[in-house]
Amino acid sequence: MGGAAALEKLVPVLLAFGGGVLLARRKTVPAEASKAFSDYAFLFAVPCYLFGNIYAADLGALFDWRAIGGYAAAAALAVLLVALGAAAYGVREPRAVALRVMAGVQVNTAYFAVPVFITFFGTAAPIFPVLLFQVCVLSLVVIALMELGRADGGGPGARVSRALAASLATPLVLACNAGILLNLLSVHVPKVFLDGASFVGDSASPVALFALGLHLGGAGLHVRGTTREEAALIAFKCLGFPLLAWAVCAGLFGVRGHWLAYLVLIAAMPTPQNLFIFAQRYDIGVDLSASVVIKSSVVSLLLLPLWLQTVAA
């Protein structure tokens, strides 16, 4: 994909995202409305999209175990690097380290990766295996550390159980698991239901990007106030992690072709908004989380044409 083609493909992304920023800045649409749009995308539209596509997908082609193993290895190495970097920076408290690991390794799938993949590849199906790994492994580790660090809420066993239940009961995971189960069992789903899911799912991409734009337009972007720690986390998330994924997946696991492009591009997605939600819930690093979420989103968007051109080369 050449530079001109990549920019052309980027126009719908910029239109939806930029429209949200502009309307929020002009106060035509209140920035607080971003939560309603985000909830619609996260709780309904994206699950509808994923369910319909996974149900109709060739699961053998969707689950490339070499590719998934390569991404998991790259993520594990990234977790270690971020944890060591946090320790070198003087961060020792387990919950604070877990928050920084989430900032540097987890990716924004629902609000960023899904619309980008739909726009450029015509499908978001390759995101699903990474989504499950992220929610059922990475998020579970982060939530478990957060729960174990709380001063209330019962014993460690109860807290870990809550963490596991919270991770597995998200609408995205439930929709994906339902799609897999019905696909494997060859259960017939009425066409009218699939058409309805497709109709709703088609709105996921523009609504998610519009919500992200509203959020950014309302929060603003204060570059001068960026700390060295924030800059390091953003640089690792937007440059270090995708390069690491490329090196591990291609060099150690022999991943090639479309899957290598998918994995590098997924790794280049920004820090998820869930980081800010976790920070608020557990009262740890709230300002750091808000800054990294917003600024990594902008940096990822700016670097998107470069990554697209690179992985397609």
C-alpha atoms as a PDB file:
ATOM      1  CA  MET A   1       0.000   0.000   0.000  1.00  0.00           C
ATOM      2  CA  GLY A   2       1.577   3.271  -1.114  1.00  0.00           C
ATOM      3  CA  GLY A   3       1.563   6.492   0.819  1.00  0.00           C
ATOM      4  CA  ALA A   4      -1.237   8.031  -1.264  1.00  0.00           C
ATOM      5  CA  ALA A   5      -3.404   4.924  -0.908  1.00  0.00           C
ATOM      6  CA  ALA A   6      -2.827   4.861   2.844  1.00  0.00           C
ATOM      7  CA  LEU A   7      -3.839   8.508   3.149  1.00  0.00           C
ATOM      8  CA  GLU A   8      -6.963   7.896   1.092  1.00  0.00           C
ATOM      9  CA  LYS A   9      -7.947   5.040   3.368  1.00  0.00           C
ATOM     10  CA  LEU A  10      -7.312   7.303   6.358  1.00  0.00           C
ATOM     11  CA  VAL A  11      -9.873   9.908   5.250  1.00  0.00           C
ATOM     12  CA  PRO A  12     -12.934   8.166   6.818  1.00  0.00           C
ATOM     13  CA  VAL A  13     -10.993   7.690  10.069  1.00  0.00           C
ATOM     14  CA  LEU A  14      -9.997  11.356  10.179  1.00  0.00           C
ATOM     15  CA  LEU A  15     -13.514  12.472   9.253  1.00  0.00           C
ATOM     16  CA  ALA A  16     -15.200  10.567  12.085  1.00  0.00           C
ATOM     17  CA  PHE A  17     -12.479  11.335  14.619  1.00  0.00           C
ATOM     18  CA  GLY A  18     -12.011  14.961  13.539  1.00  0.00           C
ATOM     19  CA  GLY A  19     -15.760  15.567  13.493  1.00  0.00           C
ATOM     20  CA  GLY A  20     -15.932  14.556  17.139  1.00  0.00           C
ATOM     21  CA  VAL A  21     -13.036  16.840  18.061  1.00  0.00           C
ATOM     22  CA  LEU A  22     -14.509  19.806  16.159  1.00  0.00           C
ATOM     23  CA  LEU A  23     -18.038  19.443  17.557  1.00  0.00           C
ATOM     24  CA  ALA A  24     -16.717  19.088  21.105  1.00  0.00           C
ATOM     25  CA  ARG A  25     -14.424  22.108  20.759  1.00  0.00           C
ATOM     26  CA  ARG A  26     -17.292  24.211  19.374  1.00  0.00           C
ATOM     27  CA  LYS A  27     -19.552  22.818  22.129  1.00  0.00           C
ATOM     28  CA  THR A  28     -22.121  21.833  19.499  1.00  0.00           C
ATOM     29  CA  VAL A  29     -22.120  18.371  21.074  1.00  0.00           C
ATOM     30  CA  PRO A  30     -21.099  18.228  24.748  1.00  0.00           C
ATOM     31  CA  ALA A  31     -17.872  16.324  25.319  1.00  0.00           C
ATOM     32  CA  GLU A  32     -19.593  14.427  28.131  1.00  0.00           C
ATOM     33  CA  ALA A  33     -21.714  12.729  25.464  1.00  0.00           C
ATOM     34  CA  SER A  34     -18.620  10.743  24.455  1.00  0.00           C
ATOM     35  CA  LYS A  35     -19.408   8.284  27.233  1.00  0.00           C
ATOM     36  CA  ALA A  36     -22.829   7.534  25.757  1.00  0.00           C
ATOM     37  CA  PHE A  37     -21.354   6.984  22.291  1.00  0.00           C
ATOM     38  CA  SER A  38     -18.521   4.905  23.755  1.00  0.00           C
ATOM     39  CA  ASP A  39     -20.945   2.775  25.767  1.00  0.00           C
ATOM     40  CA  TYR A  40     -23.053   2.167  22.662  1.00  0.00           C
ATOM     41  CA  ALA A  41     -19.981   1.059  20.711  1.00  0.00           C
ATOM     42  CA  PHE A  42     -18.444  -1.014  23.499  1.00  0.00           C
ATOM     43  CA  LEU A  43     -21.587  -2.627  24.908  1.00  0.00           C
ATOM     44  CA  PHE A  44     -23.605  -3.139  21.727  1.00  0.00           C
ATOM     45  CA  ALA A  45     -22.247  -2.237  18.287  1.00  0.00           C
ATOM     46  CA  VAL A  46     -18.786  -3.834  18.486  1.00  0.00           C
ATOM     47  CA  PRO A  47     -20.125  -7.064  20.080  1.00  0.00           C
ATOM     48  CA  CYS A  48     -22.736  -7.281  17.304  1.00  0.00           C
ATOM     49  CA  TYR A  49     -20.032  -6.836  14.678  1.00  0.00           C
ATOM     50  CA  LEU A  50     -17.709  -9.403  16.216  1.00  0.00           C
ATOM     51  CA  PHE A  51     -20.435 -11.989  16.792  1.00  0.00           C
ATOM     52  CA  GLY A  52     -21.662 -11.915  13.197  1.00  0.00           C
ATOM     53  CA  ASN A  53     -18.200 -12.011  11.672  1.00  0.00           C
ATOM     54  CA  ILE A  54     -16.818 -14.716  13.947  1.00  0.00           C
ATOM     55  CA  TYR A  55     -19.914 -16.870  13.486  1.00  0.00           C
ATOM     56  CA  ALA A  56     -19.412 -16.753   9.706  1.00  0.00           C
ATOM     57  CA  ALA A  57     -15.605 -16.999   9.803  1.00  0.00           C
ATOM     58  CA  ASP A  58     -13.278 -19.887   9.037  1.00  0.00           C
ATOM     59  CA  LEU A  59     -11.948 -20.437  12.558  1.00  0.00           C
ATOM     60  CA  GLY A  60      -9.026 -22.468  11.274  1.00  0.00           C
ATOM     61  CA  ALA A  61      -7.777 -19.433   9.379  1.00  0.00           C
ATOM     62  CA  LEU A  62      -8.744 -17.023  12.168  1.00  0.00           C
ATOM     63  CA  PHE A  63      -6.675 -18.780  14.844  1.00  0.00           C
ATOM     64  CA  ASP A  64      -3.130 -18.890  13.529  1.00  0.00           C
ATOM     65  CA  TRP A  65      -1.431 -20.346  16.582  1.00  0.00           C
ATOM     66  CA  ARG A  66       2.072 -19.390  15.464  1.00  0.00           C
ATOM     67  CA  ALA A  67       0.952 -15.775  15.101  1.00  0.00           C
ATOM     68  CA  ILE A  68      -0.883 -15.799  18.446  1.00  0.00           C
ATOM     69  CA  GLY A  69       2.111 -17.397  20.159  1.00  0.00           C
ATOM     70  CA  GLY A  70       4.427 -14.783  18.685  1.00  0.00           C
ATOM     71  CA  TYR A  71       2.220 -11.933  19.869  1.00  0.00           C
ATOM     72  CA  ALA A  72       1.906 -13.475  23.349  1.00  0.00           C
ATOM     73  CA  ALA A  73       5.707 -13.823  23.582  1.00  0.00           C
ATOM     74  CA  ALA A  74       6.193 -10.219  22.457  1.00  0.00           C
ATOM     75  CA  ALA A  75       3.605  -9.027  25.002  1.00  0.00           C
ATOM     76  CA  ALA A  76       5.283 -11.013  27.807  1.00  0.00           C
ATOM     77  CA  LEU A  77       8.645  -9.463  26.949  1.00  0.00           C
ATOM     78  CA  ALA A  78       7.020  -6.016  26.787  1.00  0.00           C
ATOM     79  CA  VAL A  79       5.476  -6.542  30.247  1.00  0.00           C
ATOM     80  CA  LEU A  80       8.927  -7.361  31.623  1.00  0.00           C
ATOM     81  CA  LEU A  81      10.518  -4.319  29.983  1.00  0.00           C
ATOM     82  CA  VAL A  82       7.833  -1.920  31.258  1.00  0.00           C
ATOM     83  CA  ALA A  83       8.018  -3.391  34.778  1.00  0.00           C
ATOM     84  CA  LEU A  84      11.816  -3.034  34.809  1.00  0.00           C
ATOM     85  CA  GLY A  85      11.525   0.512  33.470  1.00  0.00           C
ATOM     86  CA  ALA A  86       9.023   1.393  36.199  1.00  0.00           C
ATOM     87  CA  ALA A  87      11.337  -0.036  38.853  1.00  0.00           C
ATOM     88  CA  ALA A  88      14.249   1.967  37.430  1.00  0.00           C
ATOM     89  CA  TYR A  89      12.067   5.079  37.624  1.00  0.00           C
ATOM     90  CA  GLY A  90      11.444   4.389  41.314  1.00  0.00           C
ATOM     91  CA  VAL A  91       7.961   2.874  41.038  1.00  0.00           C
ATOM     92  CA  ARG A  92       7.710  -0.118  43.390  1.00  0.00           C
ATOM     93  CA  GLU A  93       4.062  -0.341  44.481  1.00  0.00           C
ATOM     94  CA  PRO A  94       2.514  -3.379  42.661  1.00  0.00           C
ATOM     95  CA  ARG A  95      -0.674  -1.564  41.627  1.00  0.00           C
ATOM     96  CA  ALA A  96       1.310   1.350  40.184  1.00  0.00           C
ATOM     97  CA  VAL A  97       3.544  -1.061  38.245  1.00  0.00           C
ATOM     98  CA  ALA A  98       0.474  -2.952  36.952  1.00  0.00           C
ATOM     99  CA  LEU A  99      -1.054   0.323  35.750  1.00  0.00           C
ATOM    100  CA  ARG A 100       2.088   1.188  33.802  1.00  0.00           C
ATOM    101  CA  VAL A 101       2.224  -2.290  32.298  1.00  0.00           C
ATOM    102  CA  MET A 102      -1.342  -1.818  31.079  1.00  0.00           C
ATOM    103  CA  ALA A 103      -0.430   1.595  29.639  1.00  0.00           C
ATOM    104  CA  GLY A 104       2.534   0.230  27.702  1.00  0.00           C
ATOM    105  CA  VAL A 105       1.274  -3.174  26.542  1.00  0.00           C
ATOM    106  CA  GLN A 106      -2.511  -3.252  26.243  1.00  0.00           C
ATOM    107  CA  VAL A 107      -4.102  -1.867  23.084  1.00  0.00           C
ATOM    108  CA  ASN A 108      -7.318  -0.005  22.340  1.00  0.00           C
ATOM    109  CA  THR A 109      -9.222  -2.699  20.443  1.00  0.00           C
ATOM    110  CA  ALA A 110     -12.863  -1.642  20.582  1.00  0.00           C
ATOM    111  CA  TYR A 111     -12.540   2.108  19.980  1.00  0.00           C
ATOM    112  CA  PHE A 112      -9.482   2.223  17.742  1.00  0.00           C
ATOM    113  CA  ALA A 113      -8.310  -1.108  16.309  1.00  0.00           C
ATOM    114  CA  VAL A 114     -11.760  -2.291  15.176  1.00  0.00           C
ATOM    115  CA  PRO A 115     -12.587   0.837  13.138  1.00  0.00           C
ATOM    116  CA  VAL A 116      -9.059   1.011  11.704  1.00  0.00           C
ATOM    117  CA  PHE A 117      -9.106  -2.644  10.610  1.00  0.00           C
ATOM    118  CA  ILE A 118     -12.591  -2.345   9.121  1.00  0.00           C
ATOM    119  CA  THR A 119     -11.496   0.715   7.154  1.00  0.00           C
ATOM    120  CA  PHE A 120      -8.206  -0.672   5.837  1.00  0.00           C
ATOM    121  CA  PHE A 121      -8.776  -4.432   5.622  1.00  0.00           C
ATOM    122  CA  GLY A 122     -12.566  -4.684   5.374  1.00  0.00           C
ATOM    123  CA  THR A 123     -12.722  -6.886   8.494  1.00  0.00           C
ATOM    124  CA  ALA A 124     -11.802  -6.758  12.176  1.00  0.00           C
ATOM    125  CA  ALA A 125     -11.722 -10.546  12.588  1.00  0.00           C
ATOM    126  CA  PRO A 126      -7.902 -10.763  13.018  1.00  0.00           C
ATOM    127  CA  ILE A 127      -8.253  -8.673  16.176  1.00  0.00           C
ATOM    128  CA  PHE A 128     -10.325 -11.337  17.937  1.00  0.00           C
ATOM    129  CA  PRO A 129      -7.529 -13.733  19.029  1.00  0.00           C
ATOM    130  CA  VAL A 130      -5.504 -10.804  20.383  1.00  0.00           C
ATOM    131  CA  LEU A 131      -8.622  -9.398  22.066  1.00  0.00           C
ATOM    132  CA  LEU A 132      -9.213 -12.671  23.910  1.00  0.00           C
ATOM    133  CA  PHE A 133      -5.557 -12.879  24.947  1.00  0.00           C
ATOM    134  CA  GLN A 134      -5.649  -9.300  26.170  1.00  0.00           C
ATOM    135  CA  VAL A 135      -8.901  -9.613  28.128  1.00  0.00           C
ATOM    136  CA  CYS A 136      -8.423 -13.131  29.506  1.00  0.00           C
ATOM    137  CA  VAL A 137      -4.689 -12.924  30.272  1.00  0.00           C
ATOM    138  CA  LEU A 138      -3.267  -9.391  30.385  1.00  0.00           C
ATOM    139  CA  SER A 139      -6.358  -7.714  31.875  1.00  0.00           C
ATOM    140  CA  LEU A 140      -6.834 -10.548  34.338  1.00  0.00           C
ATOM    141  CA  VAL A 141      -3.283 -10.087  35.653  1.00  0.00           C
ATOM    142  CA  VAL A 142      -3.752  -6.318  35.983  1.00  0.00           C
ATOM    143  CA  ILE A 143      -7.161  -6.620  37.657  1.00  0.00           C
ATOM    144  CA  ALA A 144      -5.906  -9.326  40.018  1.00  0.00           C
ATOM    145  CA  LEU A 145      -3.008  -7.104  41.147  1.00  0.00           C
ATOM    146  CA  MET A 146      -5.376  -4.172  41.603  1.00  0.00           C
ATOM    147  CA  GLU A 147      -7.861  -6.249  43.610  1.00  0.00           C
ATOM    148  CA  LEU A 148      -5.155  -7.818  45.745  1.00  0.00           C
ATOM    149  CA  GLY A 149      -3.852  -4.351  46.570  1.00  0.00           C
ATOM    150  CA  ARG A 150      -7.196  -3.094  47.862  1.00  0.00           C
ATOM    151  CA  ALA A 151      -7.696  -2.682  51.584  1.00  0.00           C
ATOM    152  CA  ASP A 152     -11.302  -3.893  51.457  1.00  0.00           C
ATOM    153  CA  GLY A 153     -13.402  -6.405  49.542  1.00  0.00           C
ATOM    154  CA  GLY A 154     -12.654  -9.701  51.309  1.00  0.00           C
ATOM    155  CA  GLY A 155      -9.749 -12.082  51.069  1.00  0.00           C
ATOM    156  CA  PRO A 156      -7.379 -12.671  48.143  1.00  0.00           C
ATOM    157  CA  GLY A 157      -9.463 -15.584  46.833  1.00  0.00           C
ATOM    158  CA  ALA A 158     -12.635 -13.479  46.618  1.00  0.00           C
ATOM    159  CA  ARG A 159     -10.780 -10.649  44.910  1.00  0.00           C
ATOM    160  CA  VAL A 160      -9.190 -12.906  42.287  1.00  0.00           C
ATOM    161  CA  SER A 161     -12.591 -14.530  41.645  1.00  0.00           C
ATOM    162  CA  ARG A 162     -14.102 -11.088  41.085  1.00  0.00           C
ATOM    163  CA  ALA A 163     -11.264 -10.229  38.717  1.00  0.00           C
ATOM    164  CA  LEU A 164     -11.797 -13.416  36.697  1.00  0.00           C
ATOM    165  CA  ALA A 165     -15.562 -12.890  36.510  1.00  0.00           C
ATOM    166  CA  ALA A 166     -15.168  -9.240  35.466  1.00  0.00           C
ATOM    167  CA  SER A 167     -12.741 -10.158  32.690  1.00  0.00           C
ATOM    168  CA  LEU A 168     -14.803 -12.978  31.207  1.00  0.00           C
ATOM    169  CA  ALA A 169     -18.185 -11.241  31.478  1.00  0.00           C
ATOM    170  CA  THR A 170     -17.398  -8.248  29.240  1.00  0.00           C
ATOM    171  CA  PRO A 171     -19.755  -7.918  26.235  1.00  0.00           C
ATOM    172  CA  LEU A 172     -16.862  -8.238  23.768  1.00  0.00           C
ATOM    173  CA  VAL A 173     -15.715 -11.563  25.187  1.00  0.00           C
ATOM    174  CA  LEU A 174     -19.250 -12.905  25.542  1.00  0.00           C
ATOM    175  CA  ALA A 175     -20.042 -12.028  21.913  1.00  0.00           C
ATOM    176  CA  CYS A 176     -16.805 -13.584  20.679  1.00  0.00           C
ATOM    177  CA  ASN A 177     -17.315 -16.768  22.682  1.00  0.00           C
ATOM    178  CA  ALA A 178     -20.902 -17.051  21.495  1.00  0.00           C
ATOM    179  CA  GLY A 179     -19.771 -16.675  17.893  1.00  0.00           C
ATOM    180  CA  ILE A 180     -17.126 -19.365  18.316  1.00  0.00           C
ATOM    181  CA  LEU A 181     -19.446 -21.799  20.086  1.00  0.00           C
ATOM    182  CA  LEU A 182     -22.271 -21.497  17.555  1.00  0.00           C
ATOM    183  CA  ASN A 183     -19.758 -21.714  14.702  1.00  0.00           C
ATOM    184  CA  LEU A 184     -18.162 -24.897  16.069  1.00  0.00           C
ATOM    185  CA  LEU A 185     -21.522 -26.505  16.788  1.00  0.00           C
ATOM    186  CA  SER A 186     -22.859 -25.486  13.343  1.00  0.00           C
ATOM    187  CA  VAL A 187     -25.947 -24.005  14.994  1.00  0.00           C
ATOM    188  CA  HIS A 188     -28.182 -22.251  12.497  1.00  0.00           C
ATOM    189  CA  VAL A 189     -28.696 -18.589  13.359  1.00  0.00           C
ATOM    190  CA  PRO A 190     -31.628 -17.003  11.487  1.00  0.00           C
ATOM    191  CA  LYS A 191     -30.557 -14.707   8.671  1.00  0.00           C
ATOM    192  CA  VAL A 192     -32.774 -11.913   9.956  1.00  0.00           C
ATOM    193  CA  PHE A 193     -30.800 -11.903  13.234  1.00  0.00           C
ATOM    194  CA  LEU A 194     -27.452 -11.909  11.442  1.00  0.00           C
ATOM    195  CA  ASP A 195     -28.628  -9.082   9.172  1.00  0.00           C
ATOM    196  CA  GLY A 196     -29.659  -7.102  12.258  1.00  0.00           C
ATOM    197  CA  ALA A 197     -26.294  -7.709  13.916  1.00  0.00           C
ATOM    198  CA  SER A 198     -24.559  -6.611  10.709  1.00  0.00           C
ATOM    199  CA  PHE A 199     -26.672  -3.453  10.519  1.00  0.00           C
ATOM    200  CA  VAL A 200     -25.793  -2.482  14.103  1.00  0.00           C
ATOM    201  CA  GLY A 201     -22.188  -3.640  13.752  1.00  0.00           C
ATOM    202  CA  ASP A 202     -21.592  -1.414  10.734  1.00  0.00           C
ATOM    203  CA  SER A 203     -22.080   1.598  13.013  1.00  0.00           C
ATOM    204  CA  ALA A 204     -19.320   0.485  15.406  1.00  0.00           C
ATOM    205  CA  SER A 205     -16.432   1.988  13.457  1.00  0.00           C
ATOM    206  CA  PRO A 206     -17.647   5.585  12.944  1.00  0.00           C
ATOM    207  CA  VAL A 207     -19.342   5.821  16.347  1.00  0.00           C
ATOM    208  CA  ALA A 208     -16.241   4.602  18.214  1.00  0.00           C
ATOM    209  CA  LEU A 209     -13.995   7.073  16.396  1.00  0.00           C
ATOM    210  CA  PHE A 210     -16.507   9.894  16.877  1.00  0.00           C
ATOM    211  CA  ALA A 211     -16.642   9.130  20.624  1.00  0.00           C
ATOM    212  CA  LEU A 212     -12.856   9.198  20.835  1.00  0.00           C
ATOM    213  CA  GLY A 213     -12.834  12.561  19.034  1.00  0.00           C
ATOM    214  CA  LEU A 214     -15.429  13.989  21.409  1.00  0.00           C
ATOM    215  CA  HIS A 215     -13.386  12.826  24.378  1.00  0.00           C
ATOM    216  CA  LEU A 216     -10.195  14.400  23.039  1.00  0.00           C
ATOM    217  CA  GLY A 217     -11.955  17.609  22.008  1.00  0.00           C
ATOM    218  CA  GLY A 218     -13.351  18.043  25.498  1.00  0.00           C
ATOM    219  CA  ALA A 219     -10.246  17.040  27.446  1.00  0.00           C
ATOM    220  CA  GLY A 220      -7.801  19.033  25.356  1.00  0.00           C
ATOM    221  CA  LEU A 221      -4.161  18.216  24.739  1.00  0.00           C
ATOM    222  CA  HIS A 222      -1.475  19.816  26.905  1.00  0.00           C
ATOM    223  CA  VAL A 223       1.847  18.841  25.339  1.00  0.00           C
ATOM    224  CA  ARG A 224       3.979  21.081  27.542  1.00  0.00           C
ATOM    225  CA  GLY A 225       2.797  19.311  30.669  1.00  0.00           C
ATOM    226  CA  THR A 226       4.007  15.902  29.497  1.00  0.00           C
ATOM    227  CA  THR A 227       6.347  14.306  32.026  1.00  0.00           C
ATOM    228  CA  ARG A 228       9.342  12.195  31.071  1.00  0.00           C
ATOM    229  CA  GLU A 229       7.595   9.082  32.381  1.00  0.00           C
ATOM    230  CA  GLU A 230       4.502   9.788  30.257  1.00  0.00           C
ATOM    231  CA  ALA A 231       6.666  10.396  27.179  1.00  0.00           C
ATOM    232  CA  ALA A 232       8.528   7.126  27.778  1.00  0.00           C
ATOM    233  CA  LEU A 233       5.298   5.131  28.115  1.00  0.00           C
ATOM    234  CA  ILE A 234       3.808   6.720  24.985  1.00  0.00           C
ATOM    235  CA  ALA A 235       6.997   6.132  22.990  1.00  0.00           C
ATOM    236  CA  PHE A 236       7.118   2.490  24.060  1.00  0.00           C
ATOM    237  CA  LYS A 237       3.421   1.961  23.300  1.00  0.00           C
ATOM    238  CA  CYS A 238       3.421   3.616  19.894  1.00  0.00           C
ATOM    239  CA  LEU A 239       6.930   2.679  18.684  1.00  0.00           C
ATOM    240  CA  GLY A 240       8.670   0.225  20.991  1.00  0.00           C
ATOM    241  CA  PHE A 241       5.937  -2.387  21.326  1.00  0.00           C
ATOM    242  CA  PRO A 242       5.079  -2.647  17.597  1.00  0.00           C
ATOM    243  CA  LEU A 243       8.786  -2.917  16.734  1.00  0.00           C
ATOM    244  CA  LEU A 244       9.195  -5.564  19.422  1.00  0.00           C
ATOM    245  CA  ALA A 245       6.163  -7.456  18.067  1.00  0.00           C
ATOM    246  CA  TRP A 246       7.658  -7.297  14.587  1.00  0.00           C
ATOM    247  CA  ALA A 247      11.043  -8.602  15.766  1.00  0.00           C
ATOM    248  CA  VAL A 248       9.636 -11.429  17.908  1.00  0.00           C
ATOM    249  CA  CYS A 249       6.870 -12.560  15.543  1.00  0.00           C
ATOM    250  CA  ALA A 250       8.991 -12.443  12.380  1.00  0.00           C
ATOM    251  CA  GLY A 251      12.410 -13.291  13.810  1.00  0.00           C
ATOM    252  CA  LEU A 252      11.566 -15.946  16.405  1.00  0.00           C
ATOM    253  CA  PHE A 253       8.216 -17.360  15.271  1.00  0.00           C
ATOM    254  CA  GLY A 254       8.549 -17.002  11.505  1.00  0.00           C
ATOM    255  CA  VAL A 255       5.276 -15.133  11.059  1.00  0.00           C
ATOM    256  CA  ARG A 256       4.973 -13.674   7.562  1.00  0.00           C
ATOM    257  CA  GLY A 257       2.486 -12.006   5.222  1.00  0.00           C
ATOM    258  CA  HIS A 258      -0.871 -10.685   6.356  1.00  0.00           C
ATOM    259  CA  TRP A 259      -0.605 -11.962   9.924  1.00  0.00           C
ATOM    260  CA  LEU A 260       2.652 -10.130  10.529  1.00  0.00           C
ATOM    261  CA  ALA A 261       1.049  -6.915   9.274  1.00  0.00           C
ATOM    262  CA  TYR A 262      -2.011  -7.494  11.469  1.00  0.00           C
ATOM    263  CA  LEU A 263       0.025  -8.111  14.635  1.00  0.00           C
ATOM    264  CA  VAL A 264       2.361  -5.143  14.157  1.00  0.00           C
ATOM    265  CA  LEU A 265      -0.574  -2.843  13.450  1.00  0.00           C
ATOM    266  CA  ILE A 266      -2.498  -4.128  16.492  1.00  0.00           C
ATOM    267  CA  ALA A 267       0.554  -3.529  18.692  1.00  0.00           C
ATOM    268  CA  ALA A 268       0.766   0.032  17.320  1.00  0.00           C
ATOM    269  CA  MET A 269      -2.740   0.879  18.558  1.00  0.00           C
ATOM    270  CA  PRO A 270      -2.929   3.357  21.474  1.00  0.00           C
ATOM    271  CA  THR A 271      -3.416   2.713  25.177  1.00  0.00           C
ATOM    272  CA  PRO A 272      -7.052   1.719  25.925  1.00  0.00           C
ATOM    273  CA  GLN A 273      -9.493   4.013  27.682  1.00  0.00           C
ATOM    274  CA  ASN A 274      -9.958   1.235  30.241  1.00  0.00           C
ATOM    275  CA  LEU A 275      -6.658   2.378  31.760  1.00  0.00           C
ATOM    276  CA  PHE A 276      -8.342   5.568  32.971  1.00  0.00           C
ATOM    277  CA  ILE A 277     -11.348   3.581  34.234  1.00  0.00           C
ATOM    278  CA  PHE A 278      -9.033   1.263  36.210  1.00  0.00           C
ATOM    279  CA  ALA A 279      -7.096   4.221  37.593  1.00  0.00           C
ATOM    280  CA  GLN A 280     -10.286   5.892  38.812  1.00  0.00           C
ATOM    281  CA  ARG A 281     -11.699   2.678  40.268  1.00  0.00           C
ATOM    282  CA  TYR A 282      -8.553   1.845  42.247  1.00  0.00           C
ATOM    283  CA  ASP A 283      -7.464   5.457  42.883  1.00  0.00           C
ATOM    284  CA  ILE A 284      -3.978   5.051  41.454  1.00  0.00           C
ATOM    285  CA  GLY A 285      -2.233   7.205  38.823  1.00  0.00           C
ATOM    286  CA  VAL A 286      -5.396   8.951  37.591  1.00  0.00           C
ATOM    287  CA  ASP A 287      -3.647  11.981  36.028  1.00  0.00           C
ATOM    288  CA  LEU A 288      -0.943   9.816  34.434  1.00  0.00           C
ATOM    289  CA  SER A 289      -3.582   7.494  32.955  1.00  0.00           C
ATOM    290  CA  ALA A 290      -5.695  10.282  31.457  1.00  0.00           C
ATOM    291  CA  SER A 291      -2.649  11.879  29.850  1.00  0.00           C
ATOM    292  CA  VAL A 292      -1.284   8.640  28.364  1.00  0.00           C
ATOM    293  CA  VAL A 293      -4.673   7.607  26.944  1.00  0.00           C
ATOM    294  CA  ILE A 294      -5.248  10.914  25.185  1.00  0.00           C
ATOM    295  CA  LYS A 295      -1.709  11.523  23.939  1.00  0.00           C
ATOM    296  CA  SER A 296      -1.073   7.941  22.791  1.00  0.00           C
ATOM    297  CA  SER A 297      -4.310   8.144  20.772  1.00  0.00           C
ATOM    298  CA  VAL A 298      -3.069  11.251  18.962  1.00  0.00           C
ATOM    299  CA  VAL A 299       0.429   9.831  18.385  1.00  0.00           C
ATOM    300  CA  SER A 300      -0.983   6.526  17.099  1.00  0.00           C
ATOM    301  CA  LEU A 301      -3.273   8.339  14.703  1.00  0.00           C
ATOM    302  CA  LEU A 302      -0.382  10.419  13.362  1.00  0.00           C
ATOM    303  CA  LEU A 303       1.829   7.342  12.935  1.00  0.00           C
ATOM    304  CA  LEU A 304      -0.916   5.238  11.331  1.00  0.00           C
ATOM    305  CA  PRO A 305      -0.031   6.048   7.672  1.00  0.00           C
ATOM    306  CA  LEU A 306       3.625   5.219   8.383  1.00  0.00           C
ATOM    307  CA  TRP A 307       2.809   1.849   9.948  1.00  0.00           C
ATOM    308  CA  LEU A 308       0.371   0.986   7.164  1.00  0.00           C
ATOM    309  CA  GLN A 309       2.930   1.737   4.509  1.00  0.00           C
ATOM    310  CA  THR A 310       5.662  -0.141   6.420  1.00  0.00           C
ATOM    311  CA  VAL A 311       3.758  -3.361   7.114  1.00  0.00           C
ATOM    312  CA  ALA A 312       2.446  -3.466   3.546  1.00  0.00           C
ATOM    313  CA  ALA A 313       5.934  -3.119   2.054  1.00  0.00           C
END
